[in-house]
C-alpha atoms as a PDB file:
ATOM      1  CA  UNK A   1      77.225 125.513  71.740  1.00  0.00           C
ATOM      2  CA  UNK A   2      76.725 124.693  68.016  1.00  0.00           C
ATOM      3  CA  UNK A   3      74.845 121.794  66.448  1.00  0.00           C
ATOM      4  CA  UNK A   4      78.174 120.644  65.021  1.00  0.00           C
ATOM      5  CA  UNK A   5      79.528 119.991  68.510  1.00  0.00           C
ATOM      6  CA  UNK A   6      76.498 117.856  69.379  1.00  0.00           C
ATOM      7  CA  UNK A   7      76.952 115.839  66.188  1.00  0.00           C
ATOM      8  CA  UNK A   8      80.623 115.321  67.066  1.00  0.00           C
ATOM      9  CA  UNK A   9      79.616 114.231  70.566  1.00  0.00           C
ATOM     10  CA  UNK A  10      77.016 111.802  69.164  1.00  0.00           C
ATOM     11  CA  UNK A  11      79.637 110.241  66.878  1.00  0.00           C
ATOM     12  CA  UNK A  12      82.022 109.985  69.837  1.00  0.00           C
ATOM     13  CA  UNK A  13      79.389 108.254  71.988  1.00  0.00           C
ATOM     14  CA  UNK A  14      78.531 105.897  69.116  1.00  0.00           C
ATOM     15  CA  UNK A  15      82.184 104.930  68.679  1.00  0.00           C
ATOM     16  CA  UNK A  16      82.577 104.459  72.454  1.00  0.00           C
ATOM     17  CA  UNK A  17      79.475 102.256  72.735  1.00  0.00           C
ATOM     18  CA  UNK A  18      80.558 100.110  69.781  1.00  0.00           C
ATOM     19  CA  UNK A  19      84.121  99.733  71.094  1.00  0.00           C
ATOM     20  CA  UNK A  20      83.055  98.835  74.644  1.00  0.00           C
ATOM     21  CA  UNK A  21      80.571  96.279  73.278  1.00  0.00           C
ATOM     22  CA  UNK A  22      83.210  94.786  70.972  1.00  0.00           C
ATOM     23  CA  UNK A  23      85.877  94.573  73.670  1.00  0.00           C
ATOM     24  CA  UNK A  24      83.524  93.064  76.260  1.00  0.00           C
ATOM     25  CA  UNK A  25      82.481  90.405  73.722  1.00  0.00           C
ATOM     26  CA  UNK A  26      86.097  89.193  73.629  1.00  0.00           C
ATOM     27  CA  UNK A  27      86.494  89.685  77.403  1.00  0.00           C
ATOM     28  CA  UNK A  28      88.858  92.682  77.241  1.00  0.00           C
ATOM     29  CA  UNK A  29      88.615  95.544  79.791  1.00  0.00           C
ATOM     30  CA  UNK A  30      86.524  98.619  78.869  1.00  0.00           C
ATOM     31  CA  UNK A  31      89.530 100.903  79.515  1.00  0.00           C
ATOM     32  CA  UNK A  32      91.199  99.588  76.351  1.00  0.00           C
ATOM     33  CA  UNK A  33      87.958 100.146  74.437  1.00  0.00           C
ATOM     34  CA  UNK A  34      87.823 103.794  75.522  1.00  0.00           C
ATOM     35  CA  UNK A  35      91.474 104.326  74.544  1.00  0.00           C
ATOM     36  CA  UNK A  36      90.860 102.844  71.077  1.00  0.00           C
ATOM     37  CA  UNK A  37      87.708 104.956  70.722  1.00  0.00           C
ATOM     38  CA  UNK A  38      89.824 108.030  71.489  1.00  0.00           C
ATOM     39  CA  UNK A  39      92.397 107.041  68.868  1.00  0.00           C
ATOM     40  CA  UNK A  40      89.649 106.566  66.248  1.00  0.00           C
ATOM     41  CA  UNK A  41      87.935 109.857  67.131  1.00  0.00           C
ATOM     42  CA  UNK A  42      91.197 111.784  67.553  1.00  0.00           C
ATOM     43  CA  UNK A  43      93.370 113.711  65.115  1.00  0.00           C
ATOM     44  CA  UNK A  44      95.145 110.530  63.970  1.00  0.00           C
ATOM     45  CA  UNK A  45      92.033 109.044  62.294  1.00  0.00           C
ATOM     46  CA  UNK A  46      88.630 110.785  62.090  1.00  0.00           C
ATOM     47  CA  UNK A  47      89.562 114.104  63.766  1.00  0.00           C
ATOM     48  CA  UNK A  48      86.031 114.599  65.111  1.00  0.00           C
ATOM     49  CA  UNK A  49      86.787 117.574  67.372  1.00  0.00           C
ATOM     50  CA  UNK A  50      88.421 120.804  66.323  1.00  0.00           C
ATOM     51  CA  UNK A  51      89.292 121.496  69.960  1.00  0.00           C
ATOM     52  CA  UNK A  52      89.620 118.258  72.009  1.00  0.00           C
ATOM     53  CA  UNK A  53      90.436 120.397  75.077  1.00  0.00           C
ATOM     54  CA  UNK A  54      86.704 121.158  75.446  1.00  0.00           C
ATOM     55  CA  UNK A  55      85.972 117.461  75.941  1.00  0.00           C
ATOM     56  CA  UNK A  56      88.972 117.030  78.264  1.00  0.00           C
ATOM     57  CA  UNK A  57      87.639 119.657  80.691  1.00  0.00           C
ATOM     58  CA  UNK A  58      84.423 117.672  81.145  1.00  0.00           C
ATOM     59  CA  UNK A  59      86.272 114.347  81.266  1.00  0.00           C
ATOM     60  CA  UNK A  60      88.455 115.555  84.159  1.00  0.00           C
ATOM     61  CA  UNK A  61      85.320 115.487  86.313  1.00  0.00           C
ATOM     62  CA  UNK A  62      85.494 111.698  86.005  1.00  0.00           C
ATOM     63  CA  UNK A  63      88.782 111.733  87.940  1.00  0.00           C
ATOM     64  CA  UNK A  64      87.202 114.039  90.525  1.00  0.00           C
ATOM     65  CA  UNK A  65      84.256 111.684  91.125  1.00  0.00           C
ATOM     66  CA  UNK A  66      86.577 108.671  91.111  1.00  0.00           C
ATOM     67  CA  UNK A  67      88.677 110.159  93.914  1.00  0.00           C
ATOM     68  CA  UNK A  68      85.504 111.130  95.816  1.00  0.00           C
ATOM     69  CA  UNK A  69      84.364 107.489  95.677  1.00  0.00           C
ATOM     70  CA  UNK A  70      87.814 106.378  96.787  1.00  0.00           C
ATOM     71  CA  UNK A  71      87.691 108.827  99.699  1.00  0.00           C
ATOM     72  CA  UNK A  72      84.446 107.238 100.870  1.00  0.00           C
ATOM     73  CA  UNK A  73      86.439 104.034 101.451  1.00  0.00           C
ATOM     74  CA  UNK A  74      89.002 105.790 103.686  1.00  0.00           C
ATOM     75  CA  UNK A  75      88.202 107.279 107.067  1.00  0.00           C
ATOM     76  CA  UNK A  76      90.699 109.396 109.005  1.00  0.00           C
ATOM     77  CA  UNK A  77      91.406 106.589 111.530  1.00  0.00           C
ATOM     78  CA  UNK A  78      91.942 104.136 108.657  1.00  0.00           C
ATOM     79  CA  UNK A  79      94.338 106.516 106.922  1.00  0.00           C
ATOM     80  CA  UNK A  80      96.281 106.991 110.169  1.00  0.00           C
ATOM     81  CA  UNK A  81      96.449 103.217 110.607  1.00  0.00           C
ATOM     82  CA  UNK A  82      97.885 102.900 107.059  1.00  0.00           C
ATOM     83  CA  UNK A  83     100.369 105.742 107.464  1.00  0.00           C
ATOM     84  CA  UNK A  84     103.369 103.398 107.155  1.00  0.00           C
ATOM     85  CA  UNK A  85     102.150 102.424 103.671  1.00  0.00           C
ATOM     86  CA  UNK A  86     100.995 105.873 102.532  1.00  0.00           C
ATOM     87  CA  UNK A  87     103.882 107.987 103.830  1.00  0.00           C
ATOM     88  CA  UNK A  88     106.530 105.296 104.269  1.00  0.00           C
ATOM     89  CA  UNK A  89     106.288 102.991 101.255  1.00  0.00           C
ATOM     90  CA  UNK A  90     104.625 105.663  99.096  1.00  0.00           C
ATOM     91  CA  UNK A  91     107.268 108.327  99.640  1.00  0.00           C
ATOM     92  CA  UNK A  92     110.139 105.837  99.263  1.00  0.00           C
ATOM     93  CA  UNK A  93     108.679 104.513  95.991  1.00  0.00           C
ATOM     94  CA  UNK A  94     108.341 107.978  94.456  1.00  0.00           C
ATOM     95  CA  UNK A  95     111.845 109.100  95.493  1.00  0.00           C
ATOM     96  CA  UNK A  96     113.682 105.889  94.519  1.00  0.00           C
ATOM     97  CA  UNK A  97     111.880 105.513  91.175  1.00  0.00           C
ATOM     98  CA  UNK A  98     112.438 109.191  90.386  1.00  0.00           C
ATOM     99  CA  UNK A  99     116.189 108.948  91.070  1.00  0.00           C
ATOM    100  CA  UNK A 100     116.691 105.674  89.157  1.00  0.00           C
ATOM    101  CA  UNK A 101     114.811 106.834  86.054  1.00  0.00           C
ATOM    102  CA  UNK A 102     116.360 110.292  86.244  1.00  0.00           C
ATOM    103  CA  UNK A 103     119.894 108.867  86.289  1.00  0.00           C
ATOM    104  CA  UNK A 104     119.043 106.454  83.461  1.00  0.00           C
ATOM    105  CA  UNK A 105     117.637 109.256  81.312  1.00  0.00           C
ATOM    106  CA  UNK A 106     120.687 111.432  82.022  1.00  0.00           C
ATOM    107  CA  UNK A 107     123.107 108.704  80.924  1.00  0.00           C
ATOM    108  CA  UNK A 108     120.969 108.225  77.800  1.00  0.00           C
ATOM    109  CA  UNK A 109     121.818 111.782  76.768  1.00  0.00           C
ATOM    110  CA  UNK A 110     119.098 113.911  78.385  1.00  0.00           C
ATOM    111  CA  UNK A 111     119.820 117.103  80.308  1.00  0.00           C
ATOM    112  CA  UNK A 112     119.310 117.118  84.095  1.00  0.00           C
ATOM    113  CA  UNK A 113     116.080 119.123  83.801  1.00  0.00           C
ATOM    114  CA  UNK A 114     114.674 116.825  81.084  1.00  0.00           C
ATOM    115  CA  UNK A 115     115.750 113.782  83.095  1.00  0.00           C
ATOM    116  CA  UNK A 116     113.919 115.145  86.147  1.00  0.00           C
ATOM    117  CA  UNK A 117     110.703 115.569  84.122  1.00  0.00           C
ATOM    118  CA  UNK A 118     111.004 112.033  82.713  1.00  0.00           C
ATOM    119  CA  UNK A 119     111.673 110.643  86.193  1.00  0.00           C
ATOM    120  CA  UNK A 120     108.659 112.493  87.578  1.00  0.00           C
ATOM    121  CA  UNK A 121     106.418 110.965  84.921  1.00  0.00           C
ATOM    122  CA  UNK A 122     107.664 107.407  85.550  1.00  0.00           C
ATOM    123  CA  UNK A 123     107.536 107.756  89.351  1.00  0.00           C
ATOM    124  CA  UNK A 124     103.755 108.218  89.314  1.00  0.00           C
ATOM    125  CA  UNK A 125     101.055 105.726  88.330  1.00  0.00           C
ATOM    126  CA  UNK A 126      97.511 106.168  87.029  1.00  0.00           C
ATOM    127  CA  UNK A 127      95.009 106.414  89.863  1.00  0.00           C
ATOM    128  CA  UNK A 128      92.169 106.253  87.339  1.00  0.00           C
ATOM    129  CA  UNK A 129      93.374 103.009  85.744  1.00  0.00           C
ATOM    130  CA  UNK A 130      94.332 101.192  88.952  1.00  0.00           C
ATOM    131  CA  UNK A 131      91.255 102.096  90.999  1.00  0.00           C
ATOM    132  CA  UNK A 132      88.881 101.291  88.137  1.00  0.00           C
ATOM    133  CA  UNK A 133      90.522  97.898  87.628  1.00  0.00           C
ATOM    134  CA  UNK A 134      90.396  97.196  91.376  1.00  0.00           C
ATOM    135  CA  UNK A 135      86.699  98.103  91.508  1.00  0.00           C
ATOM    136  CA  UNK A 136      85.856  95.945  88.498  1.00  0.00           C
ATOM    137  CA  UNK A 137      87.757  92.939  89.871  1.00  0.00           C
ATOM    138  CA  UNK A 138      86.548  93.372  93.467  1.00  0.00           C
ATOM    139  CA  UNK A 139      90.090  93.683  94.854  1.00  0.00           C
ATOM    140  CA  UNK A 140      89.760  97.099  96.498  1.00  0.00           C
ATOM    141  CA  UNK A 141      89.524  95.717 100.027  1.00  0.00           C
ATOM    142  CA  UNK A 142      92.223  93.049  99.584  1.00  0.00           C
ATOM    143  CA  UNK A 143      95.730  93.530 100.958  1.00  0.00           C
ATOM    144  CA  UNK A 144      97.297  94.022  97.525  1.00  0.00           C
ATOM    145  CA  UNK A 145      94.595  96.555  96.686  1.00  0.00           C
ATOM    146  CA  UNK A 146      95.216  98.448  99.917  1.00  0.00           C
ATOM    147  CA  UNK A 147      98.976  98.581  99.235  1.00  0.00           C
ATOM    148  CA  UNK A 148      98.401  99.920  95.716  1.00  0.00           C
ATOM    149  CA  UNK A 149      95.855 102.525  96.839  1.00  0.00           C
ATOM    150  CA  UNK A 150      98.073 103.681  99.714  1.00  0.00           C
ATOM    151  CA  UNK A 151     100.987 104.319  97.345  1.00  0.00           C
ATOM    152  CA  UNK A 152      98.632 106.027  94.871  1.00  0.00           C
ATOM    153  CA  UNK A 153      97.453 108.387  97.614  1.00  0.00           C
ATOM    154  CA  UNK A 154     100.991 109.575  98.258  1.00  0.00           C
ATOM    155  CA  UNK A 155     101.597 109.866  94.513  1.00  0.00           C
ATOM    156  CA  UNK A 156      98.564 112.180  94.228  1.00  0.00           C
ATOM    157  CA  UNK A 157     100.078 114.343  96.970  1.00  0.00           C
ATOM    158  CA  UNK A 158     103.497 114.246  95.248  1.00  0.00           C
ATOM    159  CA  UNK A 159     101.956 115.729  92.082  1.00  0.00           C
ATOM    160  CA  UNK A 160     101.784 119.102  93.856  1.00  0.00           C
ATOM    161  CA  UNK A 161     105.551 119.706  94.317  1.00  0.00           C
ATOM    162  CA  UNK A 162     106.189 118.251  90.839  1.00  0.00           C
ATOM    163  CA  UNK A 163     103.780 120.711  89.244  1.00  0.00           C
ATOM    164  CA  UNK A 164     105.564 123.534  91.065  1.00  0.00           C
ATOM    165  CA  UNK A 165     109.148 122.413  90.443  1.00  0.00           C
ATOM    166  CA  UNK A 166     108.897 121.523  86.738  1.00  0.00           C
ATOM    167  CA  UNK A 167     107.813 125.008  85.491  1.00  0.00           C
ATOM    168  CA  UNK A 168     110.536 126.567  87.659  1.00  0.00           C
ATOM    169  CA  UNK A 169     113.162 124.444  85.885  1.00  0.00           C
ATOM    170  CA  UNK A 170     112.295 126.261  82.664  1.00  0.00           C
ATOM    171  CA  UNK A 171     112.154 129.678  84.320  1.00  0.00           C
ATOM    172  CA  UNK A 172     114.799 132.297  84.933  1.00  0.00           C
ATOM    173  CA  UNK A 173     115.624 131.028  88.401  1.00  0.00           C
ATOM    174  CA  UNK A 174     114.067 134.054  90.078  1.00  0.00           C
ATOM    175  CA  UNK A 175     111.919 131.870  92.313  1.00  0.00           C
ATOM    176  CA  UNK A 176     113.382 129.346  94.713  1.00  0.00           C
ATOM    177  CA  UNK A 177     112.113 125.807  94.165  1.00  0.00           C
ATOM    178  CA  UNK A 178     112.353 125.028  97.889  1.00  0.00           C
ATOM    179  CA  UNK A 179     110.379 128.127  98.894  1.00  0.00           C
ATOM    180  CA  UNK A 180     107.718 127.400  96.261  1.00  0.00           C
ATOM    181  CA  UNK A 181     107.300 123.826  97.521  1.00  0.00           C
ATOM    182  CA  UNK A 182     107.109 125.008 101.144  1.00  0.00           C
ATOM    183  CA  UNK A 183     104.446 127.531 100.124  1.00  0.00           C
ATOM    184  CA  UNK A 184     102.479 124.765  98.415  1.00  0.00           C
ATOM    185  CA  UNK A 185     102.700 122.566 101.527  1.00  0.00           C
ATOM    186  CA  UNK A 186     101.470 125.451 103.665  1.00  0.00           C
ATOM    187  CA  UNK A 187      98.535 125.969 101.301  1.00  0.00           C
ATOM    188  CA  UNK A 188      97.819 122.248 101.452  1.00  0.00           C
ATOM    189  CA  UNK A 189      97.741 122.300 105.257  1.00  0.00           C
ATOM    190  CA  UNK A 190      95.281 125.213 105.212  1.00  0.00           C
ATOM    191  CA  UNK A 191      93.011 123.498 102.667  1.00  0.00           C
ATOM    192  CA  UNK A 192      93.015 120.197 104.566  1.00  0.00           C
ATOM    193  CA  UNK A 193      92.183 121.999 107.828  1.00  0.00           C
ATOM    194  CA  UNK A 194      89.296 123.863 106.161  1.00  0.00           C
ATOM    195  CA  UNK A 195      87.851 120.755 104.514  1.00  0.00           C
ATOM    196  CA  UNK A 196      88.154 118.599 107.636  1.00  0.00           C
ATOM    197  CA  UNK A 197      86.480 121.300 109.730  1.00  0.00           C
ATOM    198  CA  UNK A 198      83.631 121.636 107.246  1.00  0.00           C
ATOM    199  CA  UNK A 199      83.305 117.852 107.083  1.00  0.00           C
ATOM    200  CA  UNK A 200      83.074 117.518 110.848  1.00  0.00           C
ATOM    201  CA  UNK A 201      80.780 120.437 111.688  1.00  0.00           C
ATOM    202  CA  UNK A 202      78.840 121.417 108.562  1.00  0.00           C
ATOM    203  CA  UNK A 203      78.318 118.502 106.169  1.00  0.00           C
ATOM    204  CA  UNK A 204      76.518 116.158 108.620  1.00  0.00           C
ATOM    205  CA  UNK A 205      73.921 118.859 109.303  1.00  0.00           C
ATOM    206  CA  UNK A 206      73.546 119.615 105.586  1.00  0.00           C
ATOM    207  CA  UNK A 207      72.942 115.976 104.644  1.00  0.00           C
ATOM    208  CA  UNK A 208      70.573 115.480 107.590  1.00  0.00           C
ATOM    209  CA  UNK A 209      68.443 118.351 106.285  1.00  0.00           C
ATOM    210  CA  UNK A 210      68.606 117.030 102.727  1.00  0.00           C
ATOM    211  CA  UNK A 211      67.676 113.491 103.836  1.00  0.00           C
ATOM    212  CA  UNK A 212      64.607 114.777 105.694  1.00  0.00           C
ATOM    213  CA  UNK A 213      63.207 116.201 102.440  1.00  0.00           C
ATOM    214  CA  UNK A 214      63.283 112.657 100.980  1.00  0.00           C
ATOM    215  CA  UNK A 215      64.022 113.743  97.416  1.00  0.00           C
ATOM    216  CA  UNK A 216      66.536 111.662  95.501  1.00  0.00           C
ATOM    217  CA  UNK A 217      67.339 114.472  93.070  1.00  0.00           C
ATOM    218  CA  UNK A 218      68.252 116.850  95.888  1.00  0.00           C
ATOM    219  CA  UNK A 219      70.521 114.264  97.525  1.00  0.00           C
ATOM    220  CA  UNK A 220      72.358 113.619  94.236  1.00  0.00           C
ATOM    221  CA  UNK A 221      72.706 117.353  93.531  1.00  0.00           C
ATOM    222  CA  UNK A 222      74.076 117.948  97.019  1.00  0.00           C
ATOM    223  CA  UNK A 223      76.630 115.156  96.659  1.00  0.00           C
ATOM    224  CA  UNK A 224      77.783 116.531  93.289  1.00  0.00           C
ATOM    225  CA  UNK A 225      77.928 120.069  94.693  1.00  0.00           C
ATOM    226  CA  UNK A 226      80.064 118.986  97.670  1.00  0.00           C
ATOM    227  CA  UNK A 227      82.456 117.064  95.398  1.00  0.00           C
ATOM    228  CA  UNK A 228      82.906 119.872  92.883  1.00  0.00           C
ATOM    229  CA  UNK A 229      83.204 122.566  95.585  1.00  0.00           C
ATOM    230  CA  UNK A 230      85.909 120.623  97.424  1.00  0.00           C
ATOM    231  CA  UNK A 231      87.807 120.109  94.176  1.00  0.00           C
ATOM    232  CA  UNK A 232      87.421 123.768  93.245  1.00  0.00           C
ATOM    233  CA  UNK A 233      88.721 124.871  96.650  1.00  0.00           C
ATOM    234  CA  UNK A 234      91.927 122.848  96.315  1.00  0.00           C
ATOM    235  CA  UNK A 235      92.276 124.014  92.693  1.00  0.00           C
ATOM    236  CA  UNK A 236      91.955 127.641  93.845  1.00  0.00           C
ATOM    237  CA  UNK A 237      94.930 127.088  96.149  1.00  0.00           C
ATOM    238  CA  UNK A 238      96.949 125.612  93.278  1.00  0.00           C
ATOM    239  CA  UNK A 239      96.465 121.980  94.335  1.00  0.00           C
ATOM    240  CA  UNK A 240      94.860 119.038  92.531  1.00  0.00           C
ATOM    241  CA  UNK A 241      91.054 118.960  92.184  1.00  0.00           C
ATOM    242  CA  UNK A 242      91.275 115.198  92.681  1.00  0.00           C
ATOM    243  CA  UNK A 243      92.902 115.724  96.092  1.00  0.00           C
ATOM    244  CA  UNK A 244      90.015 117.950  97.195  1.00  0.00           C
ATOM    245  CA  UNK A 245      87.463 115.403  96.002  1.00  0.00           C
ATOM    246  CA  UNK A 246      89.281 112.645  97.893  1.00  0.00           C
ATOM    247  CA  UNK A 247      89.217 114.704 101.099  1.00  0.00           C
ATOM    248  CA  UNK A 248      85.497 115.398 100.601  1.00  0.00           C
ATOM    249  CA  UNK A 249      84.816 111.682 100.274  1.00  0.00           C
ATOM    250  CA  UNK A 250      86.956 110.914 103.310  1.00  0.00           C
ATOM    251  CA  UNK A 251      84.991 113.473 105.334  1.00  0.00           C
ATOM    252  CA  UNK A 252      81.769 111.595 104.566  1.00  0.00           C
ATOM    253  CA  UNK A 253      83.236 108.089 104.901  1.00  0.00           C
ATOM    254  CA  UNK A 254      81.902 107.587 108.426  1.00  0.00           C
ATOM    255  CA  UNK A 255      78.476 109.153 107.837  1.00  0.00           C
ATOM    256  CA  UNK A 256      75.298 107.102 107.672  1.00  0.00           C
ATOM    257  CA  UNK A 257      74.833 108.197 104.046  1.00  0.00           C
ATOM    258  CA  UNK A 258      78.068 106.633 102.789  1.00  0.00           C
ATOM    259  CA  UNK A 259      76.472 103.770 100.818  1.00  0.00           C
ATOM    260  CA  UNK A 260      73.782 105.981  99.292  1.00  0.00           C
ATOM    261  CA  UNK A 261      76.448 108.474  98.198  1.00  0.00           C
ATOM    262  CA  UNK A 262      78.432 105.662  96.540  1.00  0.00           C
ATOM    263  CA  UNK A 263      75.355 104.462  94.643  1.00  0.00           C
ATOM    264  CA  UNK A 264      74.355 107.976  93.541  1.00  0.00           C
ATOM    265  CA  UNK A 265      77.808 109.039  92.326  1.00  0.00           C
ATOM    266  CA  UNK A 266      78.717 105.801  90.515  1.00  0.00           C
ATOM    267  CA  UNK A 267      76.796 106.418  87.218  1.00  0.00           C
ATOM    268  CA  UNK A 268      78.289 109.907  86.770  1.00  0.00           C
ATOM    269  CA  UNK A 269      81.734 108.655  87.761  1.00  0.00           C
ATOM    270  CA  UNK A 270      81.784 105.745  85.318  1.00  0.00           C
ATOM    271  CA  UNK A 271      80.502 107.735  82.333  1.00  0.00           C
ATOM    272  CA  UNK A 272      82.836 110.702  82.866  1.00  0.00           C
ATOM    273  CA  UNK A 273      85.765 108.381  83.609  1.00  0.00           C
ATOM    274  CA  UNK A 274      85.167 106.603  80.315  1.00  0.00           C
ATOM    275  CA  UNK A 275      85.170 109.992  78.589  1.00  0.00           C
ATOM    276  CA  UNK A 276      88.491 110.758  80.292  1.00  0.00           C
ATOM    277  CA  UNK A 277      90.104 107.661  78.800  1.00  0.00           C
ATOM    278  CA  UNK A 278      88.716 108.620  75.392  1.00  0.00           C
ATOM    279  CA  UNK A 279      90.514 111.989  75.659  1.00  0.00           C
ATOM    280  CA  UNK A 280      93.725 110.140  76.604  1.00  0.00           C
ATOM    281  CA  UNK A 281      93.370 108.060  73.440  1.00  0.00           C
ATOM    282  CA  UNK A 282      92.967 111.263  71.413  1.00  0.00           C
ATOM    283  CA  UNK A 283      96.409 112.416  72.554  1.00  0.00           C
ATOM    284  CA  UNK A 284      98.270 109.279  71.476  1.00  0.00           C
ATOM    285  CA  UNK A 285     100.571 109.851  68.512  1.00  0.00           C
ATOM    286  CA  UNK A 286     100.413 106.670  66.452  1.00  0.00           C
ATOM    287  CA  UNK A 287     103.097 107.964  64.093  1.00  0.00           C
ATOM    288  CA  UNK A 288     105.769 107.882  66.802  1.00  0.00           C
ATOM    289  CA  UNK A 289     104.753 104.371  67.867  1.00  0.00           C
ATOM    290  CA  UNK A 290     104.953 103.101  64.282  1.00  0.00           C
ATOM    291  CA  UNK A 291     108.267 104.809  63.508  1.00  0.00           C
ATOM    292  CA  UNK A 292     110.263 103.150  66.320  1.00  0.00           C
ATOM    293  CA  UNK A 293     108.137 100.444  67.985  1.00  0.00           C
ATOM    294  CA  UNK A 294     110.956  98.221  69.280  1.00  0.00           C
ATOM    295  CA  UNK A 295     112.969 100.956  71.008  1.00  0.00           C
ATOM    296  CA  UNK A 296     109.815 102.374  72.618  1.00  0.00           C
ATOM    297  CA  UNK A 297     108.769  98.892  73.751  1.00  0.00           C
ATOM    298  CA  UNK A 298     112.227  98.145  75.191  1.00  0.00           C
ATOM    299  CA  UNK A 299     112.378 101.435  77.141  1.00  0.00           C
ATOM    300  CA  UNK A 300     108.827 100.954  78.410  1.00  0.00           C
ATOM    301  CA  UNK A 301     109.432  97.383  79.589  1.00  0.00           C
ATOM    302  CA  UNK A 302     112.730  98.357  81.211  1.00  0.00           C
ATOM    303  CA  UNK A 303     111.313 101.243  83.230  1.00  0.00           C
ATOM    304  CA  UNK A 304     108.196  99.250  84.171  1.00  0.00           C
ATOM    305  CA  UNK A 305     110.418  96.452  85.457  1.00  0.00           C
ATOM    306  CA  UNK A 306     112.323  98.962  87.604  1.00  0.00           C
ATOM    307  CA  UNK A 307     109.068 100.219  89.081  1.00  0.00           C
ATOM    308  CA  UNK A 308     107.753  96.712  89.785  1.00  0.00           C
ATOM    309  CA  UNK A 309     110.941  95.719  91.605  1.00  0.00           C
ATOM    310  CA  UNK A 310     111.035  98.956  93.653  1.00  0.00           C
ATOM    311  CA  UNK A 311     107.417  98.575  94.819  1.00  0.00           C
ATOM    312  CA  UNK A 312     107.883  94.856  95.504  1.00  0.00           C
ATOM    313  CA  UNK A 313     111.003  95.369  97.631  1.00  0.00           C
ATOM    314  CA  UNK A 314     109.519  98.269  99.600  1.00  0.00           C
ATOM    315  CA  UNK A 315     106.260  96.404 100.271  1.00  0.00           C
ATOM    316  CA  UNK A 316     108.196  93.378 101.547  1.00  0.00           C
ATOM    317  CA  UNK A 317     110.315  95.661 103.747  1.00  0.00           C
ATOM    318  CA  UNK A 318     107.049  96.949 105.216  1.00  0.00           C
ATOM    319  CA  UNK A 319     106.120  93.375 106.197  1.00  0.00           C
ATOM    320  CA  UNK A 320     103.762  92.459 103.357  1.00  0.00           C
ATOM    321  CA  UNK A 321     103.596  88.983 101.824  1.00  0.00           C
ATOM    322  CA  UNK A 322     105.672  88.449  98.638  1.00  0.00           C
ATOM    323  CA  UNK A 323     102.599  87.611  96.520  1.00  0.00           C
ATOM    324  CA  UNK A 324     100.879  90.855  97.587  1.00  0.00           C
ATOM    325  CA  UNK A 325     104.102  92.813  97.055  1.00  0.00           C
ATOM    326  CA  UNK A 326     104.483  91.454  93.507  1.00  0.00           C
ATOM    327  CA  UNK A 327     100.801  92.073  92.703  1.00  0.00           C
ATOM    328  CA  UNK A 328     100.884  95.685  93.915  1.00  0.00           C
ATOM    329  CA  UNK A 329     104.114  96.284  91.961  1.00  0.00           C
ATOM    330  CA  UNK A 330     102.535  95.011  88.747  1.00  0.00           C
ATOM    331  CA  UNK A 331      99.421  97.149  89.364  1.00  0.00           C
ATOM    332  CA  UNK A 332     101.520 100.304  89.732  1.00  0.00           C
ATOM    333  CA  UNK A 333     104.019  99.590  86.956  1.00  0.00           C
ATOM    334  CA  UNK A 334     102.309 101.849  84.379  1.00  0.00           C
ATOM    335  CA  UNK A 335     102.669 105.612  84.176  1.00  0.00           C
ATOM    336  CA  UNK A 336      99.803 107.966  84.966  1.00  0.00           C
ATOM    337  CA  UNK A 337      97.811 110.796  83.448  1.00  0.00           C
ATOM    338  CA  UNK A 338     100.253 113.240  85.113  1.00  0.00           C
ATOM    339  CA  UNK A 339     102.515 112.674  82.090  1.00  0.00           C
ATOM    340  CA  UNK A 340      99.923 114.350  79.857  1.00  0.00           C
ATOM    341  CA  UNK A 341      99.731 117.317  82.234  1.00  0.00           C
END
């Protein structure tokens, strides 16, 4: 790694620190500061990095640790108890939003395949943005927070068939979309079975041994190793690293080390997650926004309104209070990092 890269990284950290300080002084969320820092450091302004992909690879670990922390909040019994929200409301939201946006894009002149891609992007929300905002505002354990997180969990699962189907749309049709999705579901079942078995029979013994040594560094290293290994395992099977990290956290959610794990992972999670939002800012094309701001704004508001109404109606159908249904709809109205993938 060259000295030039370290200088670029120092400049990036300086810009990030200054932006976060500036935004907090005027009581704006740090997420916006990271996005602006990415725009300033990106190819639109200073063009600090010749290859921003190198930074993005490290920043993706922020999502992995974020989902691990989220998994620590969800035990298997709790997930089963919330199944009507995760698999009922979550699946209905993804399907209905996908179809509505897909039809709208088709009637606006897009092909069916392009419309499907656009619908897929709008159907999903940003787990990173929503969970970070919930943590900062202390709303994670509220009813509206639980509704939003439940839908986000299904959206993370839905990424898998989307990532399989979209490349096949551009292929020669030699591979069946249905068979590819079934194969992915089979792989997912195998991975979940492996991780749950390891979590039940292996991890408690490992952390008991580590705790007996009474070395903070070893405990932190073990927690990081478990998170990254779980993410790597799901990635090896063609699934999301974030999904593996979530399962790893869920496996440890009922252990006696849950609160220590949360405290140890949080610094790494927050720093890497901030770096992730910086890389998102680097990808924003200001030229397109400036060239047609009103049409972009109108389309964005229209599709966000559709998503808010869909989530609100489904949450009310599931028996939730209107105020919680509206709040969860507004939380999930944005699009997620899947669009960049």
